[in-house]
Protein backbone atom coordinates (compact mmCIF):
# COMPACT_ATOMS: atom_id res chain seq x y z
CA UNK A 1 -0.03 -0.08 0.11
CA UNK A 2 1.29 3.31 -0.96
CA UNK A 3 1.27 6.04 1.76
CA UNK A 4 -0.40 9.29 0.72
CA UNK A 5 1.61 12.43 0.20
CA UNK A 6 0.24 13.98 3.36
CA UNK A 7 1.24 11.12 5.68
CA UNK A 8 4.94 11.60 4.41
CA UNK A 9 4.91 15.31 5.48
CA UNK A 10 6.58 16.21 8.73
CA UNK A 11 3.98 16.84 11.55
CA UNK A 12 4.65 20.50 11.43
CA UNK A 13 3.68 20.81 7.61
CA UNK A 14 0.36 18.87 7.89
CA UNK A 15 -2.98 20.50 7.84
CA UNK A 16 -4.59 21.18 11.34
CA UNK A 17 -8.28 20.04 11.42
CA UNK A 18 -8.81 22.01 14.50
CA UNK A 19 -8.31 25.17 12.59
CA UNK A 20 -10.19 24.42 9.51
CA UNK A 21 -12.21 27.38 8.12
CA UNK A 22 -9.95 29.83 10.22
CA UNK A 23 -10.55 32.73 7.67
CA UNK A 24 -14.24 32.47 8.16
CA UNK A 25 -14.22 32.77 11.89
CA UNK A 26 -14.77 35.83 14.10
CA UNK A 27 -11.61 37.53 15.83
CA UNK A 28 -12.45 35.95 19.17
CA UNK A 29 -13.03 32.55 17.61
CA UNK A 30 -9.62 32.66 15.98
CA UNK A 31 -7.97 33.82 19.06
CA UNK A 32 -9.52 30.87 21.04
CA UNK A 33 -8.29 28.61 18.52
CA UNK A 34 -4.74 29.79 18.57
CA UNK A 35 -4.79 29.72 22.42
CA UNK A 36 -6.09 26.35 22.61
CA UNK A 37 -3.22 25.22 20.19
CA UNK A 38 -0.58 27.22 22.31
CA UNK A 39 -1.67 25.59 25.43
CA UNK A 40 -0.48 22.19 24.17
CA UNK A 41 3.26 23.55 23.94
CA UNK A 42 4.36 23.28 27.48
CA UNK A 43 3.08 19.82 27.70
CA UNK A 44 5.17 18.83 24.67
CA UNK A 45 8.36 20.47 26.08
CA UNK A 46 7.65 18.70 29.52
CA UNK A 47 8.09 15.38 27.65
CA UNK A 48 11.43 16.38 26.54
CA UNK A 49 12.77 17.35 30.07
CA UNK A 50 15.23 14.30 30.37
CA UNK A 51 16.87 15.21 26.95
CA UNK A 52 17.07 18.81 27.86
CA UNK A 53 18.74 17.98 31.18
CA UNK A 54 21.36 15.90 29.30
CA UNK A 55 21.97 18.72 27.06
CA UNK A 56 22.28 21.13 30.03
CA UNK A 57 24.83 18.93 31.66
CA UNK A 58 26.92 18.73 28.54
CA UNK A 59 26.88 22.64 28.43
CA UNK A 60 27.98 23.05 31.85
CA UNK A 61 30.86 20.69 31.33
CA UNK A 62 31.66 22.64 28.32
CA UNK A 63 31.78 25.84 30.23
CA UNK A 64 33.97 24.37 32.90
CA UNK A 65 36.42 23.55 30.08
CA UNK A 66 36.27 26.87 28.71
CA UNK A 67 34.06 25.97 25.76
CA UNK A 68 31.06 27.70 24.31
CA UNK A 69 27.24 27.19 23.66
CA UNK A 70 26.59 27.91 19.97
CA UNK A 71 23.24 27.94 18.36
CA UNK A 72 22.96 27.47 14.63
CA UNK A 73 19.49 28.20 12.80
CA UNK A 74 17.96 29.92 9.84
CA UNK A 75 14.74 32.15 9.78
CA UNK A 76 12.55 32.15 12.69
CA UNK A 77 14.62 29.34 14.44
CA UNK A 78 17.71 31.10 13.98
CA UNK A 79 16.35 34.22 15.32
CA UNK A 80 15.11 32.45 18.46
CA UNK A 81 18.79 31.31 19.01
CA UNK A 82 20.23 34.75 18.42
CA UNK A 83 17.84 36.40 20.96
CA UNK A 84 18.72 33.88 23.64
CA UNK A 85 22.56 34.40 22.93
CA UNK A 86 22.13 38.11 23.24
CA UNK A 87 20.48 37.99 26.56
CA UNK A 88 23.08 35.93 28.23
CA UNK A 89 25.80 38.56 28.83
CA UNK A 90 23.58 41.29 30.58
CA UNK A 91 21.57 38.64 32.60
CA UNK A 92 24.53 36.49 33.84
CA UNK A 93 27.46 38.67 33.31
CA UNK A 94 29.41 36.28 31.06
CA UNK A 95 31.64 37.15 28.05
CA UNK A 96 29.53 37.60 24.77
CA UNK A 97 31.73 34.79 23.22
CA UNK A 98 30.48 32.17 25.79
CA UNK A 99 27.02 31.87 24.18
CA UNK A 100 26.86 32.61 20.40
CA UNK A 101 24.37 32.32 17.63
CA UNK A 102 25.15 31.52 13.98
CA UNK A 103 22.23 32.73 11.60
CA UNK A 104 21.87 31.91 8.13
CA UNK A 105 22.23 35.15 6.14
CA UNK A 106 24.12 36.77 9.06
CA UNK A 107 23.00 39.84 11.14
CA UNK A 108 20.76 41.26 8.42
CA UNK A 109 18.60 38.17 8.78
CA UNK A 110 17.48 39.11 12.01
CA UNK A 111 15.12 41.77 10.52
CA UNK A 112 14.93 40.69 6.84
CA UNK A 113 14.15 37.44 5.19
CA UNK A 114 17.39 36.54 3.34
CA UNK A 115 16.07 34.27 0.40
CA UNK A 116 18.05 31.19 -0.18
CA UNK A 117 20.40 31.62 2.75
CA UNK A 118 19.08 28.59 4.60
CA UNK A 119 19.70 26.34 1.61
CA UNK A 120 23.48 26.20 1.82
CA UNK A 121 24.88 23.37 3.90
CA UNK A 122 28.30 24.46 2.93
CA UNK A 123 27.66 27.95 4.43
CA UNK A 124 26.51 26.41 7.56
CA UNK A 125 29.84 24.43 7.84
CA UNK A 126 31.94 27.32 6.97
CA UNK A 127 30.51 29.34 9.79
CA UNK A 128 31.26 26.57 12.13
CA UNK A 129 34.93 26.34 10.96
CA UNK A 130 35.29 30.16 11.02
CA UNK A 131 34.54 29.94 14.77
CA UNK A 132 37.06 27.06 15.34
CA UNK A 133 34.47 24.83 17.10
CA UNK A 134 36.21 21.94 18.77
CA UNK A 135 35.50 19.08 21.45
CA UNK A 136 35.11 21.56 24.10
CA UNK A 137 32.03 23.10 22.46
CA UNK A 138 28.38 22.42 22.31
CA UNK A 139 26.45 23.29 19.16
CA UNK A 140 22.59 23.32 19.02
CA UNK A 141 21.15 23.09 15.62
CA UNK A 142 17.67 24.71 15.70
CA UNK A 143 15.16 23.74 12.94
CA UNK A 144 11.40 23.15 13.39
CA UNK A 145 11.15 20.93 10.50
CA UNK A 146 14.59 19.42 10.94
CA UNK A 147 15.55 19.57 7.39
CA UNK A 148 17.20 23.15 6.89
CA UNK A 149 20.28 22.52 4.90
CA UNK A 150 22.21 25.47 6.55
CA UNK A 151 21.66 23.69 9.93
CA UNK A 152 22.40 20.18 8.74
CA UNK A 153 25.84 21.48 7.41
CA UNK A 154 26.75 23.25 10.52
CA UNK A 155 25.83 20.08 12.75
CA UNK A 156 27.79 17.82 10.31
CA UNK A 157 30.78 20.03 10.47
CA UNK A 158 30.54 20.52 14.27
CA UNK A 159 30.37 16.65 14.68
CA UNK A 160 33.34 16.22 12.40
CA UNK A 161 35.21 18.39 14.69
CA UNK A 162 34.39 16.54 18.01
CA UNK A 163 31.86 19.01 19.45
CA UNK A 164 28.82 17.88 21.30
CA UNK A 165 25.86 18.01 18.85
CA UNK A 166 22.26 18.86 20.13
CA UNK A 167 19.15 18.98 17.64
CA UNK A 168 16.23 20.98 18.64
CA UNK A 169 13.28 20.34 16.32
CA UNK A 170 9.56 19.49 16.23
CA UNK A 171 9.93 16.50 14.12
CA UNK A 172 11.88 13.56 15.79
CA UNK A 173 12.34 11.51 12.56
CA UNK A 174 13.94 14.50 10.78
CA UNK A 175 17.44 14.31 9.18
CA UNK A 176 18.82 16.76 11.91
CA UNK A 177 18.16 14.05 14.57
CA UNK A 178 20.40 11.71 12.71
CA UNK A 179 23.22 14.21 13.19
CA UNK A 180 23.03 15.03 16.79
CA UNK A 181 24.01 13.17 19.88
CA UNK A 182 21.26 14.58 21.79
CA UNK A 183 17.82 15.15 20.34
CA UNK A 184 15.24 17.49 21.89
CA UNK A 185 11.84 17.09 19.87
CA UNK A 186 8.80 18.79 21.47
CA UNK A 187 5.99 17.17 19.33
CA UNK A 188 3.93 20.50 18.65
CA UNK A 189 2.10 19.09 15.74
CA UNK A 190 0.45 20.66 12.87
CA UNK A 191 0.23 24.59 13.03
CA UNK A 192 -2.93 26.48 13.02
CA UNK A 193 -1.80 28.11 9.98
CA UNK A 194 -0.22 25.32 7.95
CA UNK A 195 3.52 25.27 7.96
CA UNK A 196 3.92 28.50 10.03
CA UNK A 197 6.43 27.23 12.38
CA UNK A 198 6.98 30.55 13.91
CA UNK A 199 3.86 29.59 15.92
CA UNK A 200 3.72 26.45 18.18
CA UNK A 201 7.15 25.16 17.06
CA UNK A 202 8.59 28.44 17.65
CA UNK A 203 7.09 28.95 21.10
CA UNK A 204 8.50 25.51 21.97
CA UNK A 205 11.96 26.53 20.69
CA UNK A 206 11.84 29.76 22.87
CA UNK A 207 10.78 27.66 25.95
CA UNK A 208 13.72 25.07 25.32
CA UNK A 209 16.44 27.71 24.59
CA UNK A 210 15.50 29.52 27.81
CA UNK A 211 16.06 26.37 29.69
CA UNK A 212 19.22 25.31 28.02
CA UNK A 213 20.97 28.62 28.83
CA UNK A 214 19.21 29.62 32.11
CA UNK A 215 19.82 26.18 33.74
CA UNK A 216 23.47 25.91 32.50
CA UNK A 217 23.95 29.40 33.96
CA UNK A 218 22.50 28.26 37.32
CA UNK A 219 24.52 25.14 37.51
CA UNK A 220 27.60 27.04 36.53
CA UNK A 221 27.26 29.35 39.49
CA UNK A 222 26.03 32.45 37.78
CA UNK A 223 22.74 32.63 40.00
CA UNK A 224 22.68 32.95 43.77
CA UNK A 225 19.40 31.31 45.22
CA UNK A 226 17.05 32.69 42.51
CA UNK A 227 18.89 35.93 42.00
CA UNK A 228 20.81 37.32 39.00
CA UNK A 229 24.09 37.83 41.05
CA UNK A 230 25.95 38.53 37.89
CA UNK A 231 23.84 41.03 36.31
CA UNK A 232 25.49 43.65 34.27
CA UNK A 233 24.96 47.30 35.59
CA UNK A 234 24.82 49.03 32.23
CA UNK A 235 22.12 51.46 32.95
CA UNK A 236 20.07 52.94 35.60
CA UNK A 237 17.52 50.24 35.76
CA UNK A 238 20.08 47.63 36.08
CA UNK A 239 22.02 49.43 38.68
CA UNK A 240 18.84 49.73 40.88
CA UNK A 241 18.20 46.02 40.27
CA UNK A 242 21.70 45.22 41.42
CA UNK A 243 21.04 47.06 44.62
CA UNK A 244 17.73 45.19 45.22
CA UNK A 245 19.42 41.89 44.38
CA UNK A 246 22.11 42.45 47.20
CA UNK A 247 19.43 43.70 49.63
CA UNK A 248 17.65 40.54 49.10
CA UNK A 249 20.48 38.13 49.16
CA UNK A 250 22.28 39.89 52.20
CA UNK A 251 19.55 41.22 54.19
CA UNK A 252 21.35 44.46 54.74
CA UNK A 253 20.14 47.92 54.07
CA UNK A 254 20.46 49.64 50.54
CA UNK A 255 23.07 52.13 52.23
CA UNK A 256 25.24 49.14 53.28
CA UNK A 257 24.79 47.54 50.04
CA UNK A 258 25.88 50.50 48.00
CA UNK A 259 29.00 50.95 50.25
CA UNK A 260 30.08 47.30 49.56
CA UNK A 261 29.41 47.75 45.88
CA UNK A 262 31.77 50.57 45.82
CA UNK A 263 34.44 48.67 47.85
CA UNK A 264 34.07 45.75 45.41
CA UNK A 265 34.49 47.80 42.22
CA UNK A 266 30.73 47.18 41.42
CA UNK A 267 31.37 43.38 41.32
CA UNK A 268 28.11 41.95 42.71
CA UNK A 269 29.73 38.55 43.73
CA UNK A 270 32.39 40.26 45.61
CA UNK A 271 30.02 42.61 47.20
CA UNK A 272 27.77 39.83 48.57
CA UNK A 273 30.95 37.90 49.92
CA UNK A 274 31.80 41.43 51.83
CA UNK A 275 28.08 41.72 53.00
CA UNK A 276 27.67 37.98 54.26
CA UNK A 277 31.27 37.14 55.31
CA UNK A 278 32.27 40.51 56.83
CA UNK A 279 35.58 40.53 54.94
CA UNK A 280 37.22 43.33 52.89
CA UNK A 281 37.29 43.71 49.14
CA UNK A 282 40.70 42.07 48.73
CA UNK A 283 39.55 39.22 50.75
CA UNK A 284 36.25 38.68 48.99
CA UNK A 285 38.01 38.55 45.64
CA UNK A 286 40.50 36.03 46.88
CA UNK A 287 37.95 33.97 48.39
CA UNK A 288 36.05 33.76 44.97
CA UNK A 289 39.12 32.87 43.20
CA UNK A 290 40.09 30.14 45.57
CA UNK A 291 36.62 28.71 45.48
CA UNK A 292 36.89 28.84 41.58
CA UNK A 293 33.77 31.18 41.59
CA UNK A 294 31.46 29.15 43.82
CA UNK A 295 29.79 31.91 45.77
CA UNK A 296 28.29 29.79 48.46
CA UNK A 297 31.76 28.18 49.01
CA UNK A 298 33.55 31.57 49.09
CA UNK A 299 30.97 32.97 51.63
CA UNK A 300 31.27 29.88 53.89
CA UNK A 301 35.15 30.09 53.78
CA UNK A 302 34.98 33.80 54.63
CA UNK A 303 32.88 33.21 57.55
CA UNK A 304 35.54 30.75 58.83
CA UNK A 305 38.40 33.06 58.07
CA UNK A 306 40.28 34.19 61.17
CA UNK A 307 40.52 37.96 61.19
CA UNK A 308 43.94 39.23 60.56
CA UNK A 309 45.02 35.84 59.11
CA UNK A 310 47.50 35.83 56.10
CA UNK A 311 45.24 34.67 53.17
CA UNK A 312 47.94 32.53 51.65
CA UNK A 313 47.87 30.43 54.69
CA UNK A 314 44.21 29.41 54.40
CA UNK A 315 43.24 26.39 52.61
């Protein structure tokens, strides 16, 4: 028996019977349909949590070895990756090189459709080579249908260079899954508007990318409790947020927090060690270095530190 053409299509490309006749419905009816479809996305992502956890652990290991998290994508999928990468430095205080995005068509593709850019596997491979991807890196190919040639080329080259490869797709049986060591495939199904994967598939990508970067940063020590302890103070709003974070984390008054921040050269982590352990700025920075950036270990060691003791004698 020959399968129908529709049955051979990826799930994301099939017609959705729940949104049939969409153009003949009222505004509120269309909104209810879209809302109902969107409500299925978190459940689809929840089923992928074990795979997401495996990817996060690989990313944390990469960070500890000085490696990078690199997203590769085209169109809406590529923009999702670029957005997540751009948010990491101000949120977690990490270098811009630690989380990167490779977008088919380059930076212009963030705001314009670059026709044909996604069709070149050679360009995907070239961009991976240009970044000298290696065994310490994790490369996440982001493609809703899982067939984008640019992404396939990027993953193939990443795999050849020994990097950890991750596929983020809405179609588990897609070619992208065969190139990745870890497959994250939320089954979001047919879109309300056939083939418009910026909708449910895009929402799932956004959720997963948030999880990958956020949980990796938590595990890497860039969050204290549930506070952005490494937030970059690049504007008035973020400076005010930094003070609130330190007030919450230390239980001290804003005036004490501002004084500690000045002492620490506006390093939030060092300021918190000063506030919690009662040490000076030099001691706080030494404690952070000795604990390899583990904030809780640095504070605990500071509390045990005999006053007036030569730091070089402390183990």
